[in-house]
């Protein structure tokens, strides 16, 4: 590589290092918080107070290892373009979102069925009295029903390319329609029916946020932005992704996992349920939706930052020429290829 090419690629290299270290920090932050909150590890904060322990050093080492791994990856792939990085990140994020959509689909259907049989006093005849008592405990239902179904969602997501936004929206409409019909025609309504609508609706708009960001569907005050050149738009989007988007996501994650009674970890660790009696036991998962939102949005903001930086540099591709933009097509391919396949 010539000196001119090295000079040209240096800004892209630094941006790639920043983006990949951001993702590495996200991963190590989640791992370390699991160790701190679930296993009572000390974290790295005691190191700054002179309280040096082997566990604190190990956790600091995890952060350092993640940062070094990201830097080494970037340095060993110097020829990788920003748009190729954005495409790779978007594809991984697509899988995450797809997996979570399948997870809430399975959990919603199964938990609704359990709640229906329980409120109608038929569950004991199906599963037995011992299991009936266990399914009435949120901890048991979460560990042995919800978590395996979530794992199943991640497994199924490996073999399909649909994101499921439209199907989930349709299921929400059907669930709401069922409430209307049963209430006004049969004078029948149970708490789990409304719980199912809220559970799926929360997943729909929180999980779809990253896809909406890719499609530039979020509300934007573009009085001045619309008239900017492609490179200036790239600058605005880069700064916005870093100082507004990533900052928001980190704020949610830090506040949500800052302690055992925090707004995200607290409900998750206690398998919190609503006080509606025989409703669904999914309230704690809805707190987890905030974490899913923050993680997937942060990942997508890194992808957007790479694409925006490529626009600022005048690299080929971009929204002005979407056929050349790998990142733009990455998530769309996963959605539309499934719909247009011969089997459909």
C-alpha atoms as a PDB file:
ATOM      1  CA  UNK A   1       0.000   0.000   0.000  1.00  0.00           C
ATOM      2  CA  UNK A   2       1.431   3.384  -1.049  1.00  0.00           C
ATOM      3  CA  UNK A   3       1.913   6.332   1.324  1.00  0.00           C
ATOM      4  CA  UNK A   4      -1.035   8.150  -0.293  1.00  0.00           C
ATOM      5  CA  UNK A   5      -3.291   5.134   0.220  1.00  0.00           C
ATOM      6  CA  UNK A   6      -2.153   4.782   3.832  1.00  0.00           C
ATOM      7  CA  UNK A   7      -2.925   8.465   4.449  1.00  0.00           C
ATOM      8  CA  UNK A   8      -6.360   8.090   2.861  1.00  0.00           C
ATOM      9  CA  UNK A   9      -7.233   4.948   4.795  1.00  0.00           C
ATOM     10  CA  UNK A  10      -6.001   6.211   8.190  1.00  0.00           C
ATOM     11  CA  UNK A  11      -9.292   8.019   9.079  1.00  0.00           C
ATOM     12  CA  UNK A  12     -11.284   4.939   8.067  1.00  0.00           C
ATOM     13  CA  UNK A  13      -8.951   2.742  10.111  1.00  0.00           C
ATOM     14  CA  UNK A  14      -9.432   4.878  13.221  1.00  0.00           C
ATOM     15  CA  UNK A  15     -13.197   4.887  12.741  1.00  0.00           C
ATOM     16  CA  UNK A  16     -13.200   1.106  12.346  1.00  0.00           C
ATOM     17  CA  UNK A  17     -11.156   0.720  15.524  1.00  0.00           C
ATOM     18  CA  UNK A  18     -13.582   2.975  17.382  1.00  0.00           C
ATOM     19  CA  UNK A  19     -16.632   1.069  16.115  1.00  0.00           C
ATOM     20  CA  UNK A  20     -15.316  -2.421  16.790  1.00  0.00           C
ATOM     21  CA  UNK A  21     -13.988  -1.483  20.231  1.00  0.00           C
ATOM     22  CA  UNK A  22     -17.453  -0.089  20.982  1.00  0.00           C
ATOM     23  CA  UNK A  23     -18.954  -3.489  20.159  1.00  0.00           C
ATOM     24  CA  UNK A  24     -16.260  -5.292  22.151  1.00  0.00           C
ATOM     25  CA  UNK A  25     -16.952  -3.035  25.132  1.00  0.00           C
ATOM     26  CA  UNK A  26     -20.669  -3.796  24.852  1.00  0.00           C
ATOM     27  CA  UNK A  27     -20.000  -7.533  24.944  1.00  0.00           C
ATOM     28  CA  UNK A  28     -17.570  -7.376  27.870  1.00  0.00           C
ATOM     29  CA  UNK A  29     -19.858  -4.988  29.747  1.00  0.00           C
ATOM     30  CA  UNK A  30     -22.737  -7.469  29.559  1.00  0.00           C
ATOM     31  CA  UNK A  31     -20.496 -10.369  30.598  1.00  0.00           C
ATOM     32  CA  UNK A  32     -19.022  -8.422  33.513  1.00  0.00           C
ATOM     33  CA  UNK A  33     -22.440  -7.279  34.699  1.00  0.00           C
ATOM     34  CA  UNK A  34     -23.611 -10.879  34.705  1.00  0.00           C
ATOM     35  CA  UNK A  35     -20.614 -11.784  36.859  1.00  0.00           C
ATOM     36  CA  UNK A  36     -21.219  -8.850  39.208  1.00  0.00           C
ATOM     37  CA  UNK A  37     -24.982  -9.149  39.595  1.00  0.00           C
ATOM     38  CA  UNK A  38     -25.426 -12.925  39.390  1.00  0.00           C
ATOM     39  CA  UNK A  39     -22.190 -14.177  40.927  1.00  0.00           C
ATOM     40  CA  UNK A  40     -21.254 -11.303  43.267  1.00  0.00           C
ATOM     41  CA  UNK A  41     -17.976 -10.491  41.515  1.00  0.00           C
ATOM     42  CA  UNK A  42     -16.531  -7.134  42.668  1.00  0.00           C
ATOM     43  CA  UNK A  43     -16.362  -5.454  39.235  1.00  0.00           C
ATOM     44  CA  UNK A  44     -13.587  -3.086  38.218  1.00  0.00           C
ATOM     45  CA  UNK A  45     -14.584  -0.054  40.303  1.00  0.00           C
ATOM     46  CA  UNK A  46     -12.710  -1.277  43.423  1.00  0.00           C
ATOM     47  CA  UNK A  47      -9.478  -1.078  41.417  1.00  0.00           C
ATOM     48  CA  UNK A  48      -9.830   2.697  41.284  1.00  0.00           C
ATOM     49  CA  UNK A  49     -10.142   2.769  45.074  1.00  0.00           C
ATOM     50  CA  UNK A  50      -6.980   0.758  45.649  1.00  0.00           C
ATOM     51  CA  UNK A  51      -8.874  -2.456  46.438  1.00  0.00           C
ATOM     52  CA  UNK A  52      -6.972  -4.788  44.144  1.00  0.00           C
ATOM     53  CA  UNK A  53      -8.316  -8.335  44.064  1.00  0.00           C
ATOM     54  CA  UNK A  54      -7.798 -11.215  41.670  1.00  0.00           C
ATOM     55  CA  UNK A  55     -11.446 -11.171  40.587  1.00  0.00           C
ATOM     56  CA  UNK A  56     -11.399  -7.425  39.905  1.00  0.00           C
ATOM     57  CA  UNK A  57      -8.199  -7.814  37.898  1.00  0.00           C
ATOM     58  CA  UNK A  58      -9.757 -10.671  35.942  1.00  0.00           C
ATOM     59  CA  UNK A  59     -12.763  -8.526  35.052  1.00  0.00           C
ATOM     60  CA  UNK A  60     -10.521  -5.648  34.014  1.00  0.00           C
ATOM     61  CA  UNK A  61      -8.629  -8.156  31.912  1.00  0.00           C
ATOM     62  CA  UNK A  62     -11.853  -9.072  30.131  1.00  0.00           C
ATOM     63  CA  UNK A  63     -12.305  -5.459  29.049  1.00  0.00           C
ATOM     64  CA  UNK A  64      -8.679  -5.246  27.949  1.00  0.00           C
ATOM     65  CA  UNK A  65      -8.915  -8.534  26.036  1.00  0.00           C
ATOM     66  CA  UNK A  66     -12.040  -7.345  24.238  1.00  0.00           C
ATOM     67  CA  UNK A  67     -10.413  -4.066  23.227  1.00  0.00           C
ATOM     68  CA  UNK A  68      -7.238  -5.793  22.042  1.00  0.00           C
ATOM     69  CA  UNK A  69      -9.241  -8.362  20.060  1.00  0.00           C
ATOM     70  CA  UNK A  70     -11.140  -5.565  18.281  1.00  0.00           C
ATOM     71  CA  UNK A  71      -7.962  -3.624  17.486  1.00  0.00           C
ATOM     72  CA  UNK A  72      -6.145  -6.726  16.232  1.00  0.00           C
ATOM     73  CA  UNK A  73      -9.113  -7.635  14.032  1.00  0.00           C
ATOM     74  CA  UNK A  74      -9.144  -4.185  12.437  1.00  0.00           C
ATOM     75  CA  UNK A  75      -5.376  -4.102  11.912  1.00  0.00           C
ATOM     76  CA  UNK A  76      -5.430  -7.535  10.295  1.00  0.00           C
ATOM     77  CA  UNK A  77      -8.223  -6.485   7.928  1.00  0.00           C
ATOM     78  CA  UNK A  78      -6.898  -3.123   6.774  1.00  0.00           C
ATOM     79  CA  UNK A  79      -8.383  -3.571   3.305  1.00  0.00           C
ATOM     80  CA  UNK A  80     -11.894  -4.100   4.678  1.00  0.00           C
ATOM     81  CA  UNK A  81     -14.163  -1.216   3.698  1.00  0.00           C
ATOM     82  CA  UNK A  82     -16.459   0.680   6.022  1.00  0.00           C
ATOM     83  CA  UNK A  83     -19.483  -0.488   4.055  1.00  0.00           C
ATOM     84  CA  UNK A  84     -18.371  -4.131   4.301  1.00  0.00           C
ATOM     85  CA  UNK A  85     -18.054  -3.714   8.069  1.00  0.00           C
ATOM     86  CA  UNK A  86     -21.484  -2.101   8.218  1.00  0.00           C
ATOM     87  CA  UNK A  87     -22.948  -4.970   6.218  1.00  0.00           C
ATOM     88  CA  UNK A  88     -21.408  -7.597   8.489  1.00  0.00           C
ATOM     89  CA  UNK A  89     -22.638  -5.875  11.636  1.00  0.00           C
ATOM     90  CA  UNK A  90     -26.131  -5.415  10.206  1.00  0.00           C
ATOM     91  CA  UNK A  91     -26.368  -9.089   9.298  1.00  0.00           C
ATOM     92  CA  UNK A  92     -25.448 -10.128  12.816  1.00  0.00           C
ATOM     93  CA  UNK A  93     -27.948  -7.660  14.256  1.00  0.00           C
ATOM     94  CA  UNK A  94     -30.571  -9.041  11.907  1.00  0.00           C
ATOM     95  CA  UNK A  95     -30.055 -12.493  13.350  1.00  0.00           C
ATOM     96  CA  UNK A  96     -30.391 -11.167  16.901  1.00  0.00           C
ATOM     97  CA  UNK A  97     -33.641  -9.374  16.125  1.00  0.00           C
ATOM     98  CA  UNK A  98     -35.024 -12.371  14.243  1.00  0.00           C
ATOM     99  CA  UNK A  99     -34.166 -14.664  17.161  1.00  0.00           C
ATOM    100  CA  UNK A 100     -35.866 -12.404  19.698  1.00  0.00           C
ATOM    101  CA  UNK A 101     -38.977 -12.175  17.541  1.00  0.00           C
ATOM    102  CA  UNK A 102     -39.276 -15.944  17.403  1.00  0.00           C
ATOM    103  CA  UNK A 103     -38.614 -16.105  21.147  1.00  0.00           C
ATOM    104  CA  UNK A 104     -41.484 -13.770  22.035  1.00  0.00           C
ATOM    105  CA  UNK A 105     -43.738 -15.615  19.589  1.00  0.00           C
ATOM    106  CA  UNK A 106     -43.090 -18.977  21.255  1.00  0.00           C
ATOM    107  CA  UNK A 107     -43.181 -17.620  24.799  1.00  0.00           C
ATOM    108  CA  UNK A 108     -46.397 -15.707  24.131  1.00  0.00           C
ATOM    109  CA  UNK A 109     -48.255 -18.667  22.666  1.00  0.00           C
ATOM    110  CA  UNK A 110     -47.132 -21.216  25.265  1.00  0.00           C
ATOM    111  CA  UNK A 111     -47.576 -18.952  28.290  1.00  0.00           C
ATOM    112  CA  UNK A 112     -51.012 -17.911  27.040  1.00  0.00           C
ATOM    113  CA  UNK A 113     -51.996 -21.577  26.729  1.00  0.00           C
ATOM    114  CA  UNK A 114     -50.753 -22.318  30.266  1.00  0.00           C
ATOM    115  CA  UNK A 115     -52.570 -19.300  31.663  1.00  0.00           C
ATOM    116  CA  UNK A 116     -55.799 -20.220  29.874  1.00  0.00           C
ATOM    117  CA  UNK A 117     -55.744 -23.810  31.128  1.00  0.00           C
ATOM    118  CA  UNK A 118     -54.868 -22.611  34.619  1.00  0.00           C
ATOM    119  CA  UNK A 119     -57.640 -20.029  34.870  1.00  0.00           C
ATOM    120  CA  UNK A 120     -60.158 -22.558  33.543  1.00  0.00           C
ATOM    121  CA  UNK A 121     -58.952 -25.148  36.066  1.00  0.00           C
ATOM    122  CA  UNK A 122     -57.916 -27.593  33.341  1.00  0.00           C
ATOM    123  CA  UNK A 123     -54.130 -27.423  33.688  1.00  0.00           C
ATOM    124  CA  UNK A 124     -53.961 -30.065  36.429  1.00  0.00           C
ATOM    125  CA  UNK A 125     -55.673 -32.594  34.190  1.00  0.00           C
ATOM    126  CA  UNK A 126     -53.115 -31.945  31.459  1.00  0.00           C
ATOM    127  CA  UNK A 127     -49.810 -31.787  33.383  1.00  0.00           C
ATOM    128  CA  UNK A 128     -50.635 -33.265  36.794  1.00  0.00           C
ATOM    129  CA  UNK A 129     -51.052 -31.678  40.198  1.00  0.00           C
ATOM    130  CA  UNK A 130     -47.339 -31.466  41.038  1.00  0.00           C
ATOM    131  CA  UNK A 131     -46.447 -29.647  37.841  1.00  0.00           C
ATOM    132  CA  UNK A 132     -49.548 -27.488  38.216  1.00  0.00           C
ATOM    133  CA  UNK A 133     -48.192 -26.109  41.483  1.00  0.00           C
ATOM    134  CA  UNK A 134     -44.770 -25.525  39.969  1.00  0.00           C
ATOM    135  CA  UNK A 135     -46.193 -23.659  36.959  1.00  0.00           C
ATOM    136  CA  UNK A 136     -47.898 -21.314  39.388  1.00  0.00           C
ATOM    137  CA  UNK A 137     -44.432 -20.113  40.477  1.00  0.00           C
ATOM    138  CA  UNK A 138     -42.905 -17.445  38.267  1.00  0.00           C
ATOM    139  CA  UNK A 139     -39.354 -18.678  38.905  1.00  0.00           C
ATOM    140  CA  UNK A 140     -40.178 -22.190  37.735  1.00  0.00           C
ATOM    141  CA  UNK A 141     -42.112 -21.028  34.683  1.00  0.00           C
ATOM    142  CA  UNK A 142     -39.337 -18.626  33.722  1.00  0.00           C
ATOM    143  CA  UNK A 143     -36.468 -21.096  34.092  1.00  0.00           C
ATOM    144  CA  UNK A 144     -38.101 -24.224  32.708  1.00  0.00           C
ATOM    145  CA  UNK A 145     -40.633 -22.858  30.210  1.00  0.00           C
ATOM    146  CA  UNK A 146     -39.616 -19.381  29.033  1.00  0.00           C
ATOM    147  CA  UNK A 147     -35.845 -19.805  28.850  1.00  0.00           C
ATOM    148  CA  UNK A 148     -35.969 -23.019  26.773  1.00  0.00           C
ATOM    149  CA  UNK A 149     -38.450 -21.334  24.427  1.00  0.00           C
ATOM    150  CA  UNK A 150     -36.106 -18.347  24.074  1.00  0.00           C
ATOM    151  CA  UNK A 151     -33.258 -20.750  23.236  1.00  0.00           C
ATOM    152  CA  UNK A 152     -35.560 -22.393  20.679  1.00  0.00           C
ATOM    153  CA  UNK A 153     -36.150 -18.984  19.109  1.00  0.00           C
ATOM    154  CA  UNK A 154     -32.403 -18.494  18.617  1.00  0.00           C
ATOM    155  CA  UNK A 155     -32.160 -21.962  17.089  1.00  0.00           C
ATOM    156  CA  UNK A 156     -35.070 -21.487  14.688  1.00  0.00           C
ATOM    157  CA  UNK A 157     -33.668 -18.099  13.624  1.00  0.00           C
ATOM    158  CA  UNK A 158     -30.660 -19.903  12.134  1.00  0.00           C
ATOM    159  CA  UNK A 159     -32.872 -21.522   9.498  1.00  0.00           C
ATOM    160  CA  UNK A 160     -35.096 -18.679   8.375  1.00  0.00           C
ATOM    161  CA  UNK A 161     -34.470 -15.223   6.953  1.00  0.00           C
ATOM    162  CA  UNK A 162     -37.725 -13.490   7.746  1.00  0.00           C
ATOM    163  CA  UNK A 163     -37.752 -10.818  10.444  1.00  0.00           C
ATOM    164  CA  UNK A 164     -41.412 -11.375  11.248  1.00  0.00           C
ATOM    165  CA  UNK A 165     -42.475  -7.751  11.766  1.00  0.00           C
ATOM    166  CA  UNK A 166     -45.598  -8.088   9.644  1.00  0.00           C
ATOM    167  CA  UNK A 167     -46.557 -11.444  11.141  1.00  0.00           C
ATOM    168  CA  UNK A 168     -46.185 -10.181  14.691  1.00  0.00           C
ATOM    169  CA  UNK A 169     -48.263  -7.101  13.876  1.00  0.00           C
ATOM    170  CA  UNK A 170     -50.942  -9.392  12.424  1.00  0.00           C
ATOM    171  CA  UNK A 171     -50.898 -11.567  15.549  1.00  0.00           C
ATOM    172  CA  UNK A 172     -51.362  -8.470  17.717  1.00  0.00           C
ATOM    173  CA  UNK A 173     -54.407  -7.478  15.672  1.00  0.00           C
ATOM    174  CA  UNK A 174     -55.826 -11.015  15.951  1.00  0.00           C
ATOM    175  CA  UNK A 175     -55.220 -11.074  19.727  1.00  0.00           C
ATOM    176  CA  UNK A 176     -56.914  -7.683  20.151  1.00  0.00           C
ATOM    177  CA  UNK A 177     -59.800  -8.752  17.917  1.00  0.00           C
ATOM    178  CA  UNK A 178     -60.235 -11.871  20.048  1.00  0.00           C
ATOM    179  CA  UNK A 179     -60.591  -9.663  23.136  1.00  0.00           C
ATOM    180  CA  UNK A 180     -63.277  -7.574  21.442  1.00  0.00           C
ATOM    181  CA  UNK A 181     -65.238 -10.606  20.230  1.00  0.00           C
ATOM    182  CA  UNK A 182     -65.068 -12.550  23.486  1.00  0.00           C
ATOM    183  CA  UNK A 183     -65.903  -9.471  25.576  1.00  0.00           C
ATOM    184  CA  UNK A 184     -68.861  -8.146  23.616  1.00  0.00           C
ATOM    185  CA  UNK A 185     -70.215 -11.378  22.111  1.00  0.00           C
ATOM    186  CA  UNK A 186     -69.526 -13.979  24.799  1.00  0.00           C
ATOM    187  CA  UNK A 187     -69.025 -11.672  27.820  1.00  0.00           C
ATOM    188  CA  UNK A 188     -65.735 -13.453  28.503  1.00  0.00           C
ATOM    189  CA  UNK A 189     -62.351 -11.849  29.211  1.00  0.00           C
ATOM    190  CA  UNK A 190     -59.341 -12.924  31.236  1.00  0.00           C
ATOM    191  CA  UNK A 191     -56.201 -11.049  32.309  1.00  0.00           C
ATOM    192  CA  UNK A 192     -53.888 -13.148  30.121  1.00  0.00           C
ATOM    193  CA  UNK A 193     -55.603 -11.865  26.954  1.00  0.00           C
ATOM    194  CA  UNK A 194     -54.580  -8.267  27.579  1.00  0.00           C
ATOM    195  CA  UNK A 195     -51.161  -9.425  28.803  1.00  0.00           C
ATOM    196  CA  UNK A 196     -50.526 -11.156  25.483  1.00  0.00           C
ATOM    197  CA  UNK A 197     -51.336  -8.009  23.485  1.00  0.00           C
ATOM    198  CA  UNK A 198     -49.048  -5.861  25.649  1.00  0.00           C
ATOM    199  CA  UNK A 199     -46.278  -8.478  25.526  1.00  0.00           C
ATOM    200  CA  UNK A 200     -46.254  -8.728  21.742  1.00  0.00           C
ATOM    201  CA  UNK A 201     -46.842  -5.032  21.132  1.00  0.00           C
ATOM    202  CA  UNK A 202     -43.908  -4.040  23.350  1.00  0.00           C
ATOM    203  CA  UNK A 203     -41.698  -6.489  21.473  1.00  0.00           C
ATOM    204  CA  UNK A 204     -42.893  -5.169  18.113  1.00  0.00           C
ATOM    205  CA  UNK A 205     -41.965  -1.522  18.547  1.00  0.00           C
ATOM    206  CA  UNK A 206     -38.823  -2.090  20.653  1.00  0.00           C
ATOM    207  CA  UNK A 207     -37.303  -4.872  18.562  1.00  0.00           C
ATOM    208  CA  UNK A 208     -38.168  -3.194  15.260  1.00  0.00           C
ATOM    209  CA  UNK A 209     -36.362   0.032  16.217  1.00  0.00           C
ATOM    210  CA  UNK A 210     -33.008  -1.122  14.828  1.00  0.00           C
ATOM    211  CA  UNK A 211     -34.608  -2.062  11.492  1.00  0.00           C
ATOM    212  CA  UNK A 212     -36.402   1.297  11.459  1.00  0.00           C
ATOM    213  CA  UNK A 213     -33.026   2.977  11.996  1.00  0.00           C
ATOM    214  CA  UNK A 214     -31.591   1.106   9.009  1.00  0.00           C
ATOM    215  CA  UNK A 215     -34.539   2.215   6.879  1.00  0.00           C
ATOM    216  CA  UNK A 216     -34.208   5.806   8.196  1.00  0.00           C
ATOM    217  CA  UNK A 217     -37.787   5.580   9.419  1.00  0.00           C
ATOM    218  CA  UNK A 218     -37.335   7.296  12.766  1.00  0.00           C
ATOM    219  CA  UNK A 219     -38.599  10.853  13.168  1.00  0.00           C
ATOM    220  CA  UNK A 220     -35.995  13.339  11.958  1.00  0.00           C
ATOM    221  CA  UNK A 221     -36.190  17.138  11.907  1.00  0.00           C
ATOM    222  CA  UNK A 222     -34.724  17.500   8.429  1.00  0.00           C
ATOM    223  CA  UNK A 223     -35.453  21.132   7.584  1.00  0.00           C
ATOM    224  CA  UNK A 224     -31.738  21.721   7.097  1.00  0.00           C
ATOM    225  CA  UNK A 225     -30.624  18.106   6.683  1.00  0.00           C
ATOM    226  CA  UNK A 226     -32.625  17.535   3.490  1.00  0.00           C
ATOM    227  CA  UNK A 227     -30.682  20.218   1.651  1.00  0.00           C
ATOM    228  CA  UNK A 228     -27.216  19.031   2.657  1.00  0.00           C
ATOM    229  CA  UNK A 229     -24.820  17.281   0.330  1.00  0.00           C
ATOM    230  CA  UNK A 230     -24.146  13.569   0.687  1.00  0.00           C
ATOM    231  CA  UNK A 231     -20.846  14.193   2.476  1.00  0.00           C
ATOM    232  CA  UNK A 232     -22.350  16.691   4.895  1.00  0.00           C
ATOM    233  CA  UNK A 233     -25.182  14.274   5.622  1.00  0.00           C
ATOM    234  CA  UNK A 234     -22.526  11.674   6.382  1.00  0.00           C
ATOM    235  CA  UNK A 235     -20.907  14.038   8.872  1.00  0.00           C
ATOM    236  CA  UNK A 236     -24.237  14.765  10.569  1.00  0.00           C
ATOM    237  CA  UNK A 237     -25.146  11.084  10.751  1.00  0.00           C
ATOM    238  CA  UNK A 238     -21.718  10.153  12.123  1.00  0.00           C
ATOM    239  CA  UNK A 239     -21.923  12.722  14.915  1.00  0.00           C
ATOM    240  CA  UNK A 240     -25.556  11.862  15.602  1.00  0.00           C
ATOM    241  CA  UNK A 241     -24.819   8.140  15.853  1.00  0.00           C
ATOM    242  CA  UNK A 242     -21.970   8.742  18.306  1.00  0.00           C
ATOM    243  CA  UNK A 243     -23.203  11.569  20.522  1.00  0.00           C
ATOM    244  CA  UNK A 244     -26.956  10.968  20.446  1.00  0.00           C
ATOM    245  CA  UNK A 245     -27.615   7.343  19.531  1.00  0.00           C
ATOM    246  CA  UNK A 246     -24.788   5.522  21.306  1.00  0.00           C
ATOM    247  CA  UNK A 247     -25.052   7.806  24.319  1.00  0.00           C
ATOM    248  CA  UNK A 248     -28.746   6.971  24.700  1.00  0.00           C
ATOM    249  CA  UNK A 249     -28.111   3.235  24.422  1.00  0.00           C
ATOM    250  CA  UNK A 250     -25.305   3.287  26.987  1.00  0.00           C
ATOM    251  CA  UNK A 251     -27.458   5.353  29.345  1.00  0.00           C
ATOM    252  CA  UNK A 252     -30.200   2.704  29.208  1.00  0.00           C
ATOM    253  CA  UNK A 253     -27.738  -0.133  29.776  1.00  0.00           C
ATOM    254  CA  UNK A 254     -25.853   1.544  32.620  1.00  0.00           C
ATOM    255  CA  UNK A 255     -28.988   2.604  34.473  1.00  0.00           C
ATOM    256  CA  UNK A 256     -30.707  -0.692  33.727  1.00  0.00           C
ATOM    257  CA  UNK A 257     -27.889  -2.836  35.141  1.00  0.00           C
ATOM    258  CA  UNK A 258     -26.308  -0.595  37.780  1.00  0.00           C
ATOM    259  CA  UNK A 259     -27.493  -2.759  40.668  1.00  0.00           C
ATOM    260  CA  UNK A 260     -29.645  -5.693  41.714  1.00  0.00           C
ATOM    261  CA  UNK A 261     -32.656  -3.398  42.111  1.00  0.00           C
ATOM    262  CA  UNK A 262     -32.145  -1.572  38.799  1.00  0.00           C
ATOM    263  CA  UNK A 263     -34.998  -1.094  36.346  1.00  0.00           C
ATOM    264  CA  UNK A 264     -33.937  -3.900  34.008  1.00  0.00           C
ATOM    265  CA  UNK A 265     -32.018  -6.363  36.133  1.00  0.00           C
ATOM    266  CA  UNK A 266     -34.372  -6.176  39.116  1.00  0.00           C
ATOM    267  CA  UNK A 267     -37.488  -7.541  37.347  1.00  0.00           C
ATOM    268  CA  UNK A 268     -35.407 -10.070  35.390  1.00  0.00           C
ATOM    269  CA  UNK A 269     -33.698 -11.525  38.450  1.00  0.00           C
ATOM    270  CA  UNK A 270     -36.922 -11.739  40.452  1.00  0.00           C
ATOM    271  CA  UNK A 271     -39.077 -13.047  37.561  1.00  0.00           C
ATOM    272  CA  UNK A 272     -41.483 -10.232  38.302  1.00  0.00           C
ATOM    273  CA  UNK A 273     -45.110 -10.787  37.323  1.00  0.00           C
ATOM    274  CA  UNK A 274     -48.184  -8.575  37.303  1.00  0.00           C
ATOM    275  CA  UNK A 275     -50.727  -8.546  40.124  1.00  0.00           C
ATOM    276  CA  UNK A 276     -53.579  -9.619  37.861  1.00  0.00           C
ATOM    277  CA  UNK A 277     -53.886 -13.055  39.404  1.00  0.00           C
ATOM    278  CA  UNK A 278     -54.074 -15.647  36.650  1.00  0.00           C
ATOM    279  CA  UNK A 279     -52.447 -13.527  33.935  1.00  0.00           C
ATOM    280  CA  UNK A 280     -49.336 -14.324  31.922  1.00  0.00           C
ATOM    281  CA  UNK A 281     -45.989 -14.518  33.716  1.00  0.00           C
ATOM    282  CA  UNK A 282     -44.115 -12.378  31.203  1.00  0.00           C
ATOM    283  CA  UNK A 283     -43.812  -8.981  32.885  1.00  0.00           C
ATOM    284  CA  UNK A 284     -40.145  -9.548  33.738  1.00  0.00           C
ATOM    285  CA  UNK A 285     -39.373 -10.261  30.088  1.00  0.00           C
ATOM    286  CA  UNK A 286     -40.853  -6.901  29.100  1.00  0.00           C
ATOM    287  CA  UNK A 287     -38.224  -5.245  31.297  1.00  0.00           C
ATOM    288  CA  UNK A 288     -35.661  -7.248  29.344  1.00  0.00           C
ATOM    289  CA  UNK A 289     -37.068  -5.783  26.125  1.00  0.00           C
ATOM    290  CA  UNK A 290     -35.422  -2.488  27.110  1.00  0.00           C
ATOM    291  CA  UNK A 291     -32.049  -4.240  27.175  1.00  0.00           C
ATOM    292  CA  UNK A 292     -32.719  -5.836  23.791  1.00  0.00           C
ATOM    293  CA  UNK A 293     -33.670  -2.412  22.425  1.00  0.00           C
ATOM    294  CA  UNK A 294     -30.495  -0.783  23.752  1.00  0.00           C
ATOM    295  CA  UNK A 295     -28.188  -3.572  22.553  1.00  0.00           C
ATOM    296  CA  UNK A 296     -29.635  -3.890  19.046  1.00  0.00           C
ATOM    297  CA  UNK A 297     -29.824  -0.125  18.611  1.00  0.00           C
ATOM    298  CA  UNK A 298     -26.219   0.309  19.754  1.00  0.00           C
ATOM    299  CA  UNK A 299     -25.063  -2.341  17.311  1.00  0.00           C
ATOM    300  CA  UNK A 300     -27.043  -0.697  14.512  1.00  0.00           C
ATOM    301  CA  UNK A 301     -25.698   2.756  15.411  1.00  0.00           C
ATOM    302  CA  UNK A 302     -22.179   1.403  14.886  1.00  0.00           C
ATOM    303  CA  UNK A 303     -23.246   0.107  11.483  1.00  0.00           C
ATOM    304  CA  UNK A 304     -24.868   3.449  10.663  1.00  0.00           C
ATOM    305  CA  UNK A 305     -21.724   5.276  11.773  1.00  0.00           C
ATOM    306  CA  UNK A 306     -19.612   3.212   9.365  1.00  0.00           C
ATOM    307  CA  UNK A 307     -21.998   3.892   6.492  1.00  0.00           C
ATOM    308  CA  UNK A 308     -22.189   7.595   7.351  1.00  0.00           C
ATOM    309  CA  UNK A 309     -18.404   7.853   7.525  1.00  0.00           C
ATOM    310  CA  UNK A 310     -18.202   6.165   4.116  1.00  0.00           C
ATOM    311  CA  UNK A 311     -20.626   8.796   2.783  1.00  0.00           C
ATOM    312  CA  UNK A 312     -18.500  11.554   4.296  1.00  0.00           C
ATOM    313  CA  UNK A 313     -15.412  10.146   2.587  1.00  0.00           C
ATOM    314  CA  UNK A 314     -17.223   9.786  -0.722  1.00  0.00           C
ATOM    315  CA  UNK A 315     -16.841   6.003  -0.853  1.00  0.00           C
ATOM    316  CA  UNK A 316     -18.906   4.065  -3.436  1.00  0.00           C
ATOM    317  CA  UNK A 317     -22.403   2.940  -2.452  1.00  0.00           C
ATOM    318  CA  UNK A 318     -24.775   4.660  -0.091  1.00  0.00           C
ATOM    319  CA  UNK A 319     -28.430   5.588  -0.124  1.00  0.00           C
ATOM    320  CA  UNK A 320     -28.054   7.563  -3.325  1.00  0.00           C
ATOM    321  CA  UNK A 321     -27.144   4.256  -4.974  1.00  0.00           C
ATOM    322  CA  UNK A 322     -28.794   1.589  -2.800  1.00  0.00           C
ATOM    323  CA  UNK A 323     -28.016  -1.203  -5.272  1.00  0.00           C
ATOM    324  CA  UNK A 324     -24.353  -0.788  -4.338  1.00  0.00           C
ATOM    325  CA  UNK A 325     -24.871  -0.430  -0.610  1.00  0.00           C
ATOM    326  CA  UNK A 326     -24.288  -3.803   1.035  1.00  0.00           C
ATOM    327  CA  UNK A 327     -25.379  -2.639   4.467  1.00  0.00           C
ATOM    328  CA  UNK A 328     -28.657  -1.218   3.172  1.00  0.00           C
ATOM    329  CA  UNK A 329     -29.466  -4.487   1.421  1.00  0.00           C
ATOM    330  CA  UNK A 330     -28.317  -6.770   4.235  1.00  0.00           C
ATOM    331  CA  UNK A 331     -31.441  -6.646   6.374  1.00  0.00           C
ATOM    332  CA  UNK A 332     -33.785  -6.152   3.409  1.00  0.00           C
ATOM    333  CA  UNK A 333     -32.445  -9.353   1.810  1.00  0.00           C
ATOM    334  CA  UNK A 334     -33.224 -11.273   4.978  1.00  0.00           C
ATOM    335  CA  UNK A 335     -36.807 -10.032   4.871  1.00  0.00           C
ATOM    336  CA  UNK A 336     -37.689 -10.061   1.185  1.00  0.00           C
ATOM    337  CA  UNK A 337     -35.897 -13.268   0.131  1.00  0.00           C
ATOM    338  CA  UNK A 338     -38.129 -15.252   2.463  1.00  0.00           C
ATOM    339  CA  UNK A 339     -41.276 -13.644   1.126  1.00  0.00           C
ATOM    340  CA  UNK A 340     -40.285 -14.095  -2.530  1.00  0.00           C
ATOM    341  CA  UNK A 341     -38.950 -17.640  -2.235  1.00  0.00           C
ATOM    342  CA  UNK A 342     -40.638 -20.310  -4.440  1.00  0.00           C
ATOM    343  CA  UNK A 343     -42.135 -22.001  -1.379  1.00  0.00           C
ATOM    344  CA  UNK A 344     -44.169 -18.836  -0.712  1.00  0.00           C
END
